C-alpha atoms as a PDB file:
ATOM      1  CA  UNK A   1       9.550 -26.173 -13.617  1.00  0.00           C
ATOM      2  CA  UNK A   2      11.829 -25.094 -10.783  1.00  0.00           C
ATOM      3  CA  UNK A   3      10.371 -25.138  -7.287  1.00  0.00           C
ATOM      4  CA  UNK A   4      11.091 -23.302  -4.061  1.00  0.00           C
ATOM      5  CA  UNK A   5       9.777 -23.823  -0.562  1.00  0.00           C
ATOM      6  CA  UNK A   6       7.511 -21.471   1.365  1.00  0.00           C
ATOM      7  CA  UNK A   7       9.033 -21.295   4.817  1.00  0.00           C
ATOM      8  CA  UNK A   8      11.241 -23.837   6.575  1.00  0.00           C
ATOM      9  CA  UNK A   9       8.721 -26.682   6.471  1.00  0.00           C
ATOM     10  CA  UNK A  10       6.192 -25.290   4.025  1.00  0.00           C
ATOM     11  CA  UNK A  11       5.082 -26.556   0.630  1.00  0.00           C
ATOM     12  CA  UNK A  12       7.173 -26.407  -2.521  1.00  0.00           C
ATOM     13  CA  UNK A  13       5.652 -24.214  -5.230  1.00  0.00           C
ATOM     14  CA  UNK A  14       6.840 -22.930  -8.589  1.00  0.00           C
ATOM     15  CA  UNK A  15       9.825 -20.577  -8.341  1.00  0.00           C
ATOM     16  CA  UNK A  16       7.915 -18.099 -10.494  1.00  0.00           C
ATOM     17  CA  UNK A  17       4.277 -17.520  -9.695  1.00  0.00           C
ATOM     18  CA  UNK A  18       1.507 -15.675 -11.509  1.00  0.00           C
ATOM     19  CA  UNK A  19       0.044 -12.433 -10.211  1.00  0.00           C
ATOM     20  CA  UNK A  20      -3.587 -12.192 -11.280  1.00  0.00           C
ATOM     21  CA  UNK A  21      -4.443  -8.595 -10.311  1.00  0.00           C
ATOM     22  CA  UNK A  22      -4.214  -7.155 -13.829  1.00  0.00           C
ATOM     23  CA  UNK A  23      -6.774  -9.662 -15.099  1.00  0.00           C
ATOM     24  CA  UNK A  24      -9.661  -7.482 -13.940  1.00  0.00           C
ATOM     25  CA  UNK A  25      -9.367  -4.102 -15.621  1.00  0.00           C
ATOM     26  CA  UNK A  26      -6.899  -2.307 -13.351  1.00  0.00           C
ATOM     27  CA  UNK A  27      -4.260  -1.753 -16.020  1.00  0.00           C
ATOM     28  CA  UNK A  28      -6.624  -1.303 -18.946  1.00  0.00           C
ATOM     29  CA  UNK A  29      -9.186  -3.468 -20.789  1.00  0.00           C
ATOM     30  CA  UNK A  30      -9.174  -7.209 -20.188  1.00  0.00           C
ATOM     31  CA  UNK A  31     -10.179 -10.086 -22.442  1.00  0.00           C
ATOM     32  CA  UNK A  32     -11.604 -12.504 -19.870  1.00  0.00           C
ATOM     33  CA  UNK A  33     -11.231 -15.536 -22.104  1.00  0.00           C
ATOM     34  CA  UNK A  34      -7.558 -14.714 -22.663  1.00  0.00           C
ATOM     35  CA  UNK A  35      -7.041 -14.112 -18.935  1.00  0.00           C
ATOM     36  CA  UNK A  36      -8.518 -17.515 -18.096  1.00  0.00           C
ATOM     37  CA  UNK A  37      -6.416 -19.119 -20.828  1.00  0.00           C
ATOM     38  CA  UNK A  38      -3.343 -17.445 -19.320  1.00  0.00           C
ATOM     39  CA  UNK A  39      -4.013 -18.912 -15.877  1.00  0.00           C
ATOM     40  CA  UNK A  40      -4.495 -22.350 -17.372  1.00  0.00           C
ATOM     41  CA  UNK A  41      -1.371 -22.035 -19.530  1.00  0.00           C
ATOM     42  CA  UNK A  42       0.604 -21.191 -16.387  1.00  0.00           C
ATOM     43  CA  UNK A  43      -0.759 -24.242 -14.597  1.00  0.00           C
ATOM     44  CA  UNK A  44      -0.107 -26.484 -17.592  1.00  0.00           C
ATOM     45  CA  UNK A  45       3.500 -25.232 -17.569  1.00  0.00           C
ATOM     46  CA  UNK A  46       3.833 -26.058 -13.872  1.00  0.00           C
ATOM     47  CA  UNK A  47       3.635 -22.466 -12.620  1.00  0.00           C
ATOM     48  CA  UNK A  48       1.191 -23.341  -9.874  1.00  0.00           C
ATOM     49  CA  UNK A  49       1.670 -20.384  -7.474  1.00  0.00           C
ATOM     50  CA  UNK A  50      -1.360 -18.146  -8.208  1.00  0.00           C
ATOM     51  CA  UNK A  51      -1.853 -14.839  -6.411  1.00  0.00           C
ATOM     52  CA  UNK A  52      -5.060 -12.822  -6.032  1.00  0.00           C
ATOM     53  CA  UNK A  53      -6.854 -10.773  -3.335  1.00  0.00           C
ATOM     54  CA  UNK A  54     -10.373  -9.844  -2.324  1.00  0.00           C
ATOM     55  CA  UNK A  55      -9.457  -6.177  -2.908  1.00  0.00           C
ATOM     56  CA  UNK A  56      -8.746  -6.695  -6.605  1.00  0.00           C
ATOM     57  CA  UNK A  57     -11.776  -5.322  -8.423  1.00  0.00           C
ATOM     58  CA  UNK A  58     -13.937  -5.847  -5.323  1.00  0.00           C
ATOM     59  CA  UNK A  59     -13.711  -9.613  -5.471  1.00  0.00           C
ATOM     60  CA  UNK A  60     -14.123  -9.968  -9.221  1.00  0.00           C
ATOM     61  CA  UNK A  61     -10.529 -11.152  -9.542  1.00  0.00           C
ATOM     62  CA  UNK A  62     -11.247 -14.074  -7.252  1.00  0.00           C
ATOM     63  CA  UNK A  63     -14.387 -14.826  -9.264  1.00  0.00           C
ATOM     64  CA  UNK A  64     -12.369 -14.886 -12.483  1.00  0.00           C
ATOM     65  CA  UNK A  65      -9.911 -17.271 -10.866  1.00  0.00           C
ATOM     66  CA  UNK A  66     -12.821 -19.541  -9.941  1.00  0.00           C
ATOM     67  CA  UNK A  67     -13.643 -19.862 -13.646  1.00  0.00           C
ATOM     68  CA  UNK A  68     -10.006 -20.565 -14.481  1.00  0.00           C
ATOM     69  CA  UNK A  69      -9.804 -23.290 -11.823  1.00  0.00           C
ATOM     70  CA  UNK A  70     -12.791 -25.198 -13.197  1.00  0.00           C
ATOM     71  CA  UNK A  71     -12.451 -28.310 -15.364  1.00  0.00           C
ATOM     72  CA  UNK A  72      -9.924 -29.941 -13.062  1.00  0.00           C
ATOM     73  CA  UNK A  73      -7.462 -27.057 -12.861  1.00  0.00           C
ATOM     74  CA  UNK A  74      -7.917 -26.597  -9.117  1.00  0.00           C
ATOM     75  CA  UNK A  75      -5.865 -29.744  -8.555  1.00  0.00           C
ATOM     76  CA  UNK A  76      -2.896 -28.124 -10.314  1.00  0.00           C
ATOM     77  CA  UNK A  77      -3.006 -24.849  -8.407  1.00  0.00           C
ATOM     78  CA  UNK A  78      -1.609 -23.439  -5.191  1.00  0.00           C
ATOM     79  CA  UNK A  79      -3.958 -20.527  -4.498  1.00  0.00           C
ATOM     80  CA  UNK A  80      -2.941 -17.475  -2.486  1.00  0.00           C
ATOM     81  CA  UNK A  81      -5.364 -14.697  -1.678  1.00  0.00           C
ATOM     82  CA  UNK A  82      -5.433 -11.766   0.714  1.00  0.00           C
ATOM     83  CA  UNK A  83      -7.760  -9.835   3.025  1.00  0.00           C
ATOM     84  CA  UNK A  84      -7.741  -6.581   4.934  1.00  0.00           C
ATOM     85  CA  UNK A  85      -7.004  -3.976   2.252  1.00  0.00           C
ATOM     86  CA  UNK A  86     -10.200  -1.933   2.494  1.00  0.00           C
ATOM     87  CA  UNK A  87     -11.731   1.526   2.248  1.00  0.00           C
ATOM     88  CA  UNK A  88     -13.013   3.451   5.238  1.00  0.00           C
ATOM     89  CA  UNK A  89     -16.377   5.218   5.508  1.00  0.00           C
ATOM     90  CA  UNK A  90     -14.959   8.170   3.558  1.00  0.00           C
ATOM     91  CA  UNK A  91     -13.613   5.947   0.812  1.00  0.00           C
ATOM     92  CA  UNK A  92      -9.964   6.341   1.865  1.00  0.00           C
ATOM     93  CA  UNK A  93      -7.467   3.449   1.915  1.00  0.00           C
ATOM     94  CA  UNK A  94      -7.550   1.568   5.214  1.00  0.00           C
ATOM     95  CA  UNK A  95      -6.775  -1.811   6.785  1.00  0.00           C
ATOM     96  CA  UNK A  96      -8.980  -4.192   8.730  1.00  0.00           C
ATOM     97  CA  UNK A  97      -7.395  -6.853  10.915  1.00  0.00           C
ATOM     98  CA  UNK A  98     -10.224  -7.406  13.406  1.00  0.00           C
ATOM     99  CA  UNK A  99     -10.620 -11.119  14.158  1.00  0.00           C
ATOM    100  CA  UNK A 100     -14.303 -11.201  13.226  1.00  0.00           C
ATOM    101  CA  UNK A 101     -13.483  -9.529   9.907  1.00  0.00           C
ATOM    102  CA  UNK A 102     -10.772 -12.105   9.183  1.00  0.00           C
ATOM    103  CA  UNK A 103     -13.345 -14.895   9.502  1.00  0.00           C
ATOM    104  CA  UNK A 104     -15.966 -13.160   7.366  1.00  0.00           C
ATOM    105  CA  UNK A 105     -13.449 -12.211   4.675  1.00  0.00           C
ATOM    106  CA  UNK A 106     -12.208 -15.779   4.459  1.00  0.00           C
ATOM    107  CA  UNK A 107     -15.729 -17.144   3.980  1.00  0.00           C
ATOM    108  CA  UNK A 108     -16.379 -14.647   1.188  1.00  0.00           C
ATOM    109  CA  UNK A 109     -13.109 -15.481  -0.565  1.00  0.00           C
ATOM    110  CA  UNK A 110     -13.771 -19.217  -0.359  1.00  0.00           C
ATOM    111  CA  UNK A 111     -17.181 -18.678  -1.942  1.00  0.00           C
ATOM    112  CA  UNK A 112     -15.857 -16.450  -4.733  1.00  0.00           C
ATOM    113  CA  UNK A 113     -12.963 -18.797  -5.481  1.00  0.00           C
ATOM    114  CA  UNK A 114     -15.176 -21.861  -5.303  1.00  0.00           C
ATOM    115  CA  UNK A 115     -12.646 -23.841  -3.270  1.00  0.00           C
ATOM    116  CA  UNK A 116     -12.732 -25.687   0.063  1.00  0.00           C
ATOM    117  CA  UNK A 117      -9.471 -24.269   1.418  1.00  0.00           C
ATOM    118  CA  UNK A 118      -7.147 -21.366   0.656  1.00  0.00           C
ATOM    119  CA  UNK A 119      -3.588 -22.630   0.261  1.00  0.00           C
ATOM    120  CA  UNK A 120      -1.936 -19.392   1.451  1.00  0.00           C
ATOM    121  CA  UNK A 121      -3.901 -16.637   3.188  1.00  0.00           C
ATOM    122  CA  UNK A 122      -2.229 -13.248   3.573  1.00  0.00           C
ATOM    123  CA  UNK A 123      -3.136 -10.211   5.595  1.00  0.00           C
ATOM    124  CA  UNK A 124      -2.944  -7.705   2.737  1.00  0.00           C
ATOM    125  CA  UNK A 125      -2.236  -4.630   4.861  1.00  0.00           C
ATOM    126  CA  UNK A 126      -1.426  -4.545   8.567  1.00  0.00           C
ATOM    127  CA  UNK A 127      -4.051  -2.848  10.725  1.00  0.00           C
ATOM    128  CA  UNK A 128      -2.240  -0.595  13.216  1.00  0.00           C
ATOM    129  CA  UNK A 129      -5.341  -0.440  15.407  1.00  0.00           C
ATOM    130  CA  UNK A 130      -5.403  -4.205  16.042  1.00  0.00           C
ATOM    131  CA  UNK A 131      -2.515  -6.095  17.683  1.00  0.00           C
ATOM    132  CA  UNK A 132      -0.993  -8.389  15.087  1.00  0.00           C
ATOM    133  CA  UNK A 133      -1.271 -11.225  17.614  1.00  0.00           C
ATOM    134  CA  UNK A 134      -5.074 -10.950  17.489  1.00  0.00           C
ATOM    135  CA  UNK A 135      -5.208 -10.906  13.691  1.00  0.00           C
ATOM    136  CA  UNK A 136      -2.822 -13.823  13.264  1.00  0.00           C
ATOM    137  CA  UNK A 137      -4.604 -15.665  16.056  1.00  0.00           C
ATOM    138  CA  UNK A 138      -7.821 -15.489  14.042  1.00  0.00           C
ATOM    139  CA  UNK A 139      -5.961 -16.618  10.930  1.00  0.00           C
ATOM    140  CA  UNK A 140      -4.491 -19.542  12.890  1.00  0.00           C
ATOM    141  CA  UNK A 141      -7.980 -20.669  13.878  1.00  0.00           C
ATOM    142  CA  UNK A 142      -8.864 -20.811  10.187  1.00  0.00           C
ATOM    143  CA  UNK A 143      -5.944 -23.208   9.741  1.00  0.00           C
ATOM    144  CA  UNK A 144      -7.258 -25.334  12.607  1.00  0.00           C
ATOM    145  CA  UNK A 145     -10.659 -25.432  10.901  1.00  0.00           C
ATOM    146  CA  UNK A 146      -9.149 -26.544   7.591  1.00  0.00           C
ATOM    147  CA  UNK A 147     -10.252 -23.431   5.711  1.00  0.00           C
ATOM    148  CA  UNK A 148      -6.689 -22.158   5.265  1.00  0.00           C
ATOM    149  CA  UNK A 149      -3.469 -24.163   4.917  1.00  0.00           C
ATOM    150  CA  UNK A 150      -0.670 -21.614   5.358  1.00  0.00           C
ATOM    151  CA  UNK A 151      -0.416 -18.028   6.584  1.00  0.00           C
ATOM    152  CA  UNK A 152       1.288 -14.962   5.151  1.00  0.00           C
ATOM    153  CA  UNK A 153       1.588 -11.221   5.606  1.00  0.00           C
ATOM    154  CA  UNK A 154       1.962  -8.462   3.038  1.00  0.00           C
ATOM    155  CA  UNK A 155       3.866  -5.190   3.481  1.00  0.00           C
ATOM    156  CA  UNK A 156       4.672  -5.940   7.117  1.00  0.00           C
ATOM    157  CA  UNK A 157       7.700  -4.587   8.953  1.00  0.00           C
ATOM    158  CA  UNK A 158      10.383  -6.685  10.706  1.00  0.00           C
ATOM    159  CA  UNK A 159       8.996  -6.392  14.233  1.00  0.00           C
ATOM    160  CA  UNK A 160       5.472  -7.187  13.038  1.00  0.00           C
ATOM    161  CA  UNK A 161       6.873 -10.310  11.392  1.00  0.00           C
ATOM    162  CA  UNK A 162       8.586 -11.396  14.588  1.00  0.00           C
ATOM    163  CA  UNK A 163       5.462 -10.894  16.691  1.00  0.00           C
ATOM    164  CA  UNK A 164       3.281 -12.692  14.156  1.00  0.00           C
ATOM    165  CA  UNK A 165       5.661 -15.655  13.933  1.00  0.00           C
ATOM    166  CA  UNK A 166       5.432 -16.160  17.692  1.00  0.00           C
ATOM    167  CA  UNK A 167       1.684 -16.804  17.290  1.00  0.00           C
ATOM    168  CA  UNK A 168       1.786 -19.095  14.255  1.00  0.00           C
ATOM    169  CA  UNK A 169       4.348 -20.025  11.578  1.00  0.00           C
ATOM    170  CA  UNK A 170       4.341 -17.482   8.756  1.00  0.00           C
ATOM    171  CA  UNK A 171       5.076 -19.139   5.423  1.00  0.00           C
ATOM    172  CA  UNK A 172       5.584 -16.022   3.306  1.00  0.00           C
ATOM    173  CA  UNK A 173       5.877 -12.270   3.282  1.00  0.00           C
ATOM    174  CA  UNK A 174       4.695 -10.509   0.155  1.00  0.00           C
ATOM    175  CA  UNK A 175       6.253  -7.099  -0.421  1.00  0.00           C
ATOM    176  CA  UNK A 176       7.243  -4.987  -3.411  1.00  0.00           C
ATOM    177  CA  UNK A 177      10.748  -5.803  -4.600  1.00  0.00           C
ATOM    178  CA  UNK A 178      12.504  -5.331  -7.911  1.00  0.00           C
ATOM    179  CA  UNK A 179      15.624  -3.800  -9.408  1.00  0.00           C
ATOM    180  CA  UNK A 180      14.117  -0.335  -9.027  1.00  0.00           C
ATOM    181  CA  UNK A 181      12.579  -0.929  -5.566  1.00  0.00           C
ATOM    182  CA  UNK A 182      15.046  -2.478  -3.122  1.00  0.00           C
ATOM    183  CA  UNK A 183      14.138  -0.987   0.264  1.00  0.00           C
ATOM    184  CA  UNK A 184      13.343  -4.480   1.607  1.00  0.00           C
ATOM    185  CA  UNK A 185      17.013  -5.471   1.474  1.00  0.00           C
ATOM    186  CA  UNK A 186      17.886  -3.343   4.523  1.00  0.00           C
ATOM    187  CA  UNK A 187      15.771  -4.941   7.259  1.00  0.00           C
ATOM    188  CA  UNK A 188      12.766  -6.813   5.896  1.00  0.00           C
ATOM    189  CA  UNK A 189      14.503  -9.499   3.844  1.00  0.00           C
ATOM    190  CA  UNK A 190      17.007 -10.209   6.660  1.00  0.00           C
ATOM    191  CA  UNK A 191      14.099 -10.568   9.099  1.00  0.00           C
ATOM    192  CA  UNK A 192      12.432 -13.069   6.770  1.00  0.00           C
ATOM    193  CA  UNK A 193      15.634 -15.098   6.685  1.00  0.00           C
ATOM    194  CA  UNK A 194      16.012 -14.922  10.441  1.00  0.00           C
ATOM    195  CA  UNK A 195      12.498 -16.375  10.769  1.00  0.00           C
ATOM    196  CA  UNK A 196      12.665 -18.785   7.779  1.00  0.00           C
ATOM    197  CA  UNK A 197       9.865 -16.908   5.989  1.00  0.00           C
ATOM    198  CA  UNK A 198       9.813 -17.025   2.189  1.00  0.00           C
ATOM    199  CA  UNK A 199       9.939 -13.655   0.439  1.00  0.00           C
ATOM    200  CA  UNK A 200       7.420 -13.127  -2.374  1.00  0.00           C
ATOM    201  CA  UNK A 201       8.187 -10.004  -4.449  1.00  0.00           C
ATOM    202  CA  UNK A 202       5.163  -8.401  -6.051  1.00  0.00           C
ATOM    203  CA  UNK A 203       5.526  -5.928  -8.921  1.00  0.00           C
ATOM    204  CA  UNK A 204       8.839  -7.638  -9.754  1.00  0.00           C
ATOM    205  CA  UNK A 205       8.859  -5.843 -13.107  1.00  0.00           C
ATOM    206  CA  UNK A 206       8.290  -2.417 -11.576  1.00  0.00           C
ATOM    207  CA  UNK A 207       4.667  -2.354 -12.745  1.00  0.00           C
ATOM    208  CA  UNK A 208       5.934  -2.773 -16.287  1.00  0.00           C
ATOM    209  CA  UNK A 209       8.715  -0.188 -16.186  1.00  0.00           C
ATOM    210  CA  UNK A 210      11.431  -2.870 -16.223  1.00  0.00           C
ATOM    211  CA  UNK A 211      10.097  -4.365 -19.448  1.00  0.00           C
ATOM    212  CA  UNK A 212      11.337  -1.329 -21.376  1.00  0.00           C
ATOM    213  CA  UNK A 213       7.900  -0.904 -22.943  1.00  0.00           C
ATOM    214  CA  UNK A 214       6.930   2.202 -20.955  1.00  0.00           C
ATOM    215  CA  UNK A 215       8.672   5.407 -21.950  1.00  0.00           C
ATOM    216  CA  UNK A 216       5.990   8.071 -21.498  1.00  0.00           C
ATOM    217  CA  UNK A 217       2.382   8.544 -20.392  1.00  0.00           C
ATOM    218  CA  UNK A 218       1.311   7.807 -23.946  1.00  0.00           C
ATOM    219  CA  UNK A 219       2.197   4.165 -23.247  1.00  0.00           C
ATOM    220  CA  UNK A 220      -0.485   3.954 -20.540  1.00  0.00           C
ATOM    221  CA  UNK A 221      -4.203   3.827 -21.256  1.00  0.00           C
ATOM    222  CA  UNK A 222      -6.430   6.614 -19.995  1.00  0.00           C
ATOM    223  CA  UNK A 223      -7.910   4.374 -17.280  1.00  0.00           C
ATOM    224  CA  UNK A 224      -4.653   2.669 -16.336  1.00  0.00           C
ATOM    225  CA  UNK A 225      -4.295   2.692 -12.560  1.00  0.00           C
ATOM    226  CA  UNK A 226      -0.573   3.355 -12.832  1.00  0.00           C
ATOM    227  CA  UNK A 227      -1.375   6.952 -13.753  1.00  0.00           C
ATOM    228  CA  UNK A 228      -2.228   7.459 -10.061  1.00  0.00           C
ATOM    229  CA  UNK A 229       1.212   6.301  -8.925  1.00  0.00           C
ATOM    230  CA  UNK A 230       3.792   9.089  -8.467  1.00  0.00           C
ATOM    231  CA  UNK A 231       6.512   7.106 -10.242  1.00  0.00           C
ATOM    232  CA  UNK A 232       4.393   7.257 -13.390  1.00  0.00           C
ATOM    233  CA  UNK A 233       3.503  10.936 -13.200  1.00  0.00           C
ATOM    234  CA  UNK A 234       4.649  13.181 -16.030  1.00  0.00           C
ATOM    235  CA  UNK A 235       8.281  14.113 -15.506  1.00  0.00           C
ATOM    236  CA  UNK A 236       8.931  11.292 -13.063  1.00  0.00           C
ATOM    237  CA  UNK A 237       8.047   8.639 -15.606  1.00  0.00           C
ATOM    238  CA  UNK A 238      10.468   9.903 -18.256  1.00  0.00           C
ATOM    239  CA  UNK A 239      13.361  10.181 -15.801  1.00  0.00           C
ATOM    240  CA  UNK A 240      12.611   6.745 -14.374  1.00  0.00           C
ATOM    241  CA  UNK A 241      12.537   5.234 -17.845  1.00  0.00           C
ATOM    242  CA  UNK A 242      16.104   6.447 -18.352  1.00  0.00           C
ATOM    243  CA  UNK A 243      17.226   4.409 -15.329  1.00  0.00           C
ATOM    244  CA  UNK A 244      16.219   1.209 -17.124  1.00  0.00           C
ATOM    245  CA  UNK A 245      18.839   1.682 -19.857  1.00  0.00           C
ATOM    246  CA  UNK A 246      21.504  -0.559 -18.222  1.00  0.00           C
ATOM    247  CA  UNK A 247      18.954  -3.367 -17.910  1.00  0.00           C
ATOM    248  CA  UNK A 248      18.048  -3.062 -21.591  1.00  0.00           C
ATOM    249  CA  UNK A 249      21.708  -3.092 -22.581  1.00  0.00           C
ATOM    250  CA  UNK A 250      22.531  -6.208 -20.560  1.00  0.00           C
ATOM    251  CA  UNK A 251      19.416  -7.974 -21.844  1.00  0.00           C
ATOM    252  CA  UNK A 252      20.567  -7.330 -25.389  1.00  0.00           C
ATOM    253  CA  UNK A 253      24.013  -8.737 -24.607  1.00  0.00           C
ATOM    254  CA  UNK A 254      22.509 -11.846 -23.009  1.00  0.00           C
ATOM    255  CA  UNK A 255      19.964 -12.199 -25.830  1.00  0.00           C
ATOM    256  CA  UNK A 256      16.948 -12.210 -23.585  1.00  0.00           C
ATOM    257  CA  UNK A 257      14.087  -9.815 -22.893  1.00  0.00           C
ATOM    258  CA  UNK A 258      14.426  -7.089 -20.232  1.00  0.00           C
ATOM    259  CA  UNK A 259      11.610  -8.730 -18.282  1.00  0.00           C
ATOM    260  CA  UNK A 260      13.414 -12.060 -18.264  1.00  0.00           C
ATOM    261  CA  UNK A 261      16.607 -10.438 -17.034  1.00  0.00           C
ATOM    262  CA  UNK A 262      14.815  -8.487 -14.284  1.00  0.00           C
ATOM    263  CA  UNK A 263      13.142 -11.684 -13.061  1.00  0.00           C
ATOM    264  CA  UNK A 264      16.363 -13.672 -13.315  1.00  0.00           C
ATOM    265  CA  UNK A 265      18.030 -11.042 -11.123  1.00  0.00           C
ATOM    266  CA  UNK A 266      15.352 -11.542  -8.459  1.00  0.00           C
ATOM    267  CA  UNK A 267      15.627 -15.314  -8.648  1.00  0.00           C
ATOM    268  CA  UNK A 268      19.372 -14.939  -8.120  1.00  0.00           C
ATOM    269  CA  UNK A 269      18.810 -13.162  -4.797  1.00  0.00           C
ATOM    270  CA  UNK A 270      18.204 -16.430  -2.965  1.00  0.00           C
ATOM    271  CA  UNK A 271      16.292 -19.704  -2.999  1.00  0.00           C
ATOM    272  CA  UNK A 272      13.785 -18.142  -0.616  1.00  0.00           C
ATOM    273  CA  UNK A 273      12.735 -15.481  -3.164  1.00  0.00           C
ATOM    274  CA  UNK A 274       9.655 -16.336  -5.277  1.00  0.00           C
ATOM    275  CA  UNK A 275       8.553 -13.520  -7.614  1.00  0.00           C
ATOM    276  CA  UNK A 276       4.959 -13.321  -8.846  1.00  0.00           C
ATOM    277  CA  UNK A 277       4.996 -11.335 -12.118  1.00  0.00           C
ATOM    278  CA  UNK A 278       1.512 -10.421 -13.245  1.00  0.00           C
ATOM    279  CA  UNK A 279       0.106 -10.604 -16.734  1.00  0.00           C
ATOM    280  CA  UNK A 280      -3.176 -11.139 -18.525  1.00  0.00           C
ATOM    281  CA  UNK A 281      -1.730 -12.530 -21.766  1.00  0.00           C
ATOM    282  CA  UNK A 282      -0.188 -15.879 -22.657  1.00  0.00           C
ATOM    283  CA  UNK A 283       2.545 -14.235 -24.722  1.00  0.00           C
ATOM    284  CA  UNK A 284       3.819 -12.292 -21.699  1.00  0.00           C
ATOM    285  CA  UNK A 285       3.489 -15.383 -19.514  1.00  0.00           C
ATOM    286  CA  UNK A 286       5.708 -17.377 -21.852  1.00  0.00           C
ATOM    287  CA  UNK A 287       8.271 -14.582 -21.883  1.00  0.00           C
ATOM    288  CA  UNK A 288       8.289 -14.361 -18.082  1.00  0.00           C
ATOM    289  CA  UNK A 289       8.731 -18.103 -17.652  1.00  0.00           C
ATOM    290  CA  UNK A 290      11.778 -17.870 -19.910  1.00  0.00           C
ATOM    291  CA  UNK A 291      13.536 -16.174 -16.991  1.00  0.00           C
ATOM    292  CA  UNK A 292      13.955 -19.606 -15.421  1.00  0.00           C
ATOM    293  CA  UNK A 293      16.453 -20.508 -18.144  1.00  0.00           C
ATOM    294  CA  UNK A 294      18.699 -17.505 -17.524  1.00  0.00           C
ATOM    295  CA  UNK A 295      21.670 -17.835 -15.217  1.00  0.00           C
ATOM    296  CA  UNK A 296      23.332 -14.806 -13.683  1.00  0.00           C
ATOM    297  CA  UNK A 297      26.686 -15.041 -11.983  1.00  0.00           C
ATOM    298  CA  UNK A 298      27.090 -13.253  -8.667  1.00  0.00           C
ATOM    299  CA  UNK A 299      29.220 -10.702 -10.473  1.00  0.00           C
ATOM    300  CA  UNK A 300      26.575 -10.089 -13.159  1.00  0.00           C
ATOM    301  CA  UNK A 301      23.820  -9.730 -10.561  1.00  0.00           C
ATOM    302  CA  UNK A 302      25.867  -7.263  -8.543  1.00  0.00           C
ATOM    303  CA  UNK A 303      26.807  -5.264 -11.633  1.00  0.00           C
ATOM    304  CA  UNK A 304      23.166  -5.023 -12.701  1.00  0.00           C
ATOM    305  CA  UNK A 305      22.085  -3.894  -9.239  1.00  0.00           C
ATOM    306  CA  UNK A 306      24.755  -1.210  -9.255  1.00  0.00           C
ATOM    307  CA  UNK A 307      23.874  -0.044 -12.770  1.00  0.00           C
ATOM    308  CA  UNK A 308      20.115   0.263 -12.131  1.00  0.00           C
ATOM    309  CA  UNK A 309      20.346   2.796  -9.320  1.00  0.00           C
ATOM    310  CA  UNK A 310      17.100   2.505  -7.354  1.00  0.00           C
ATOM    311  CA  UNK A 311      18.097   5.472  -5.166  1.00  0.00           C
ATOM    312  CA  UNK A 312      17.536   7.738  -8.179  1.00  0.00           C
ATOM    313  CA  UNK A 313      13.943   6.635  -8.807  1.00  0.00           C
ATOM    314  CA  UNK A 314      11.610   9.622  -8.828  1.00  0.00           C
ATOM    315  CA  UNK A 315       8.334   9.495  -6.886  1.00  0.00           C
ATOM    316  CA  UNK A 316       7.006   7.383  -4.030  1.00  0.00           C
ATOM    317  CA  UNK A 317       5.950   3.848  -4.838  1.00  0.00           C
ATOM    318  CA  UNK A 318       2.316   4.466  -3.857  1.00  0.00           C
ATOM    319  CA  UNK A 319       0.026   7.520  -3.806  1.00  0.00           C
ATOM    320  CA  UNK A 320       0.228   9.589  -0.623  1.00  0.00           C
ATOM    321  CA  UNK A 321      -2.990   8.207   0.895  1.00  0.00           C
ATOM    322  CA  UNK A 322      -1.710   4.616   0.791  1.00  0.00           C
ATOM    323  CA  UNK A 323       1.760   5.205   2.218  1.00  0.00           C
ATOM    324  CA  UNK A 324       0.730   4.997   5.900  1.00  0.00           C
ATOM    325  CA  UNK A 325      -0.333   1.366   5.371  1.00  0.00           C
ATOM    326  CA  UNK A 326       3.085   0.190   4.216  1.00  0.00           C
ATOM    327  CA  UNK A 327       5.748  -1.493   6.335  1.00  0.00           C
ATOM    328  CA  UNK A 328       3.867  -1.546   9.637  1.00  0.00           C
END
């Protein structure tokens, strides 16, 4: 297993992590036994960087991870979870970064996960109503108490990162990044490098679009959450699927899967980039881990980026109600 470091002086974790969100019925039915077996297969393979959040299925994702970490598997895992992605009184997407909430959320996550300390604790969405210094200050106190080991932010903007890092070292920023979603390259990724913060791309396979398996709405189950995302709406989805053609062609030439090539491209963006592809099946896990064996030259990586034109992607990356919470 290849390893990369979280931050300048942070821990070394697997270069490819495992996103656990889909293991609790967000992208269709889940076989819990298979999901648990997938987590354990990842850990047995050395992919120790596990990612969950209290918002995933209202805490049930963390509870599933607790089951997977039983029988000695906790010792193999580096567990990241998140707080602060909530719903307001009207049920609309919101963020909560109040210091007292940070403490309460951490206690609940520790209980659901069944662990003594969270290895990496992210603020899931930045709360514009609370100074980031206050939120990170509360997170730092959790580190002092031994309940959290390292701190991270998710979907934070460059200035928020700089202010947060002045309060406490930030080990990682988690933000969407893939061949078809490269907005972070302009300011966010450079800010991470300025501050020696590792960059953790979520949805590195474009929520499945970069696997080549999604061509129309018929490929998504009726209860699949992706149906709510504008990029997967009828019309947008078909046009976006066409943009994947260069990826499929290069994958065929290199005799690998499209998913492996898309992940290899991300890994080639720098030693500080640690993608966390999500899956709920061991077969997909094995395919994803195969990306570690693929080498892209700088010329190949640049050619692929130019061929998969992310500026032509149709639809925003989140539904309208969630957009105000991004990049604060």
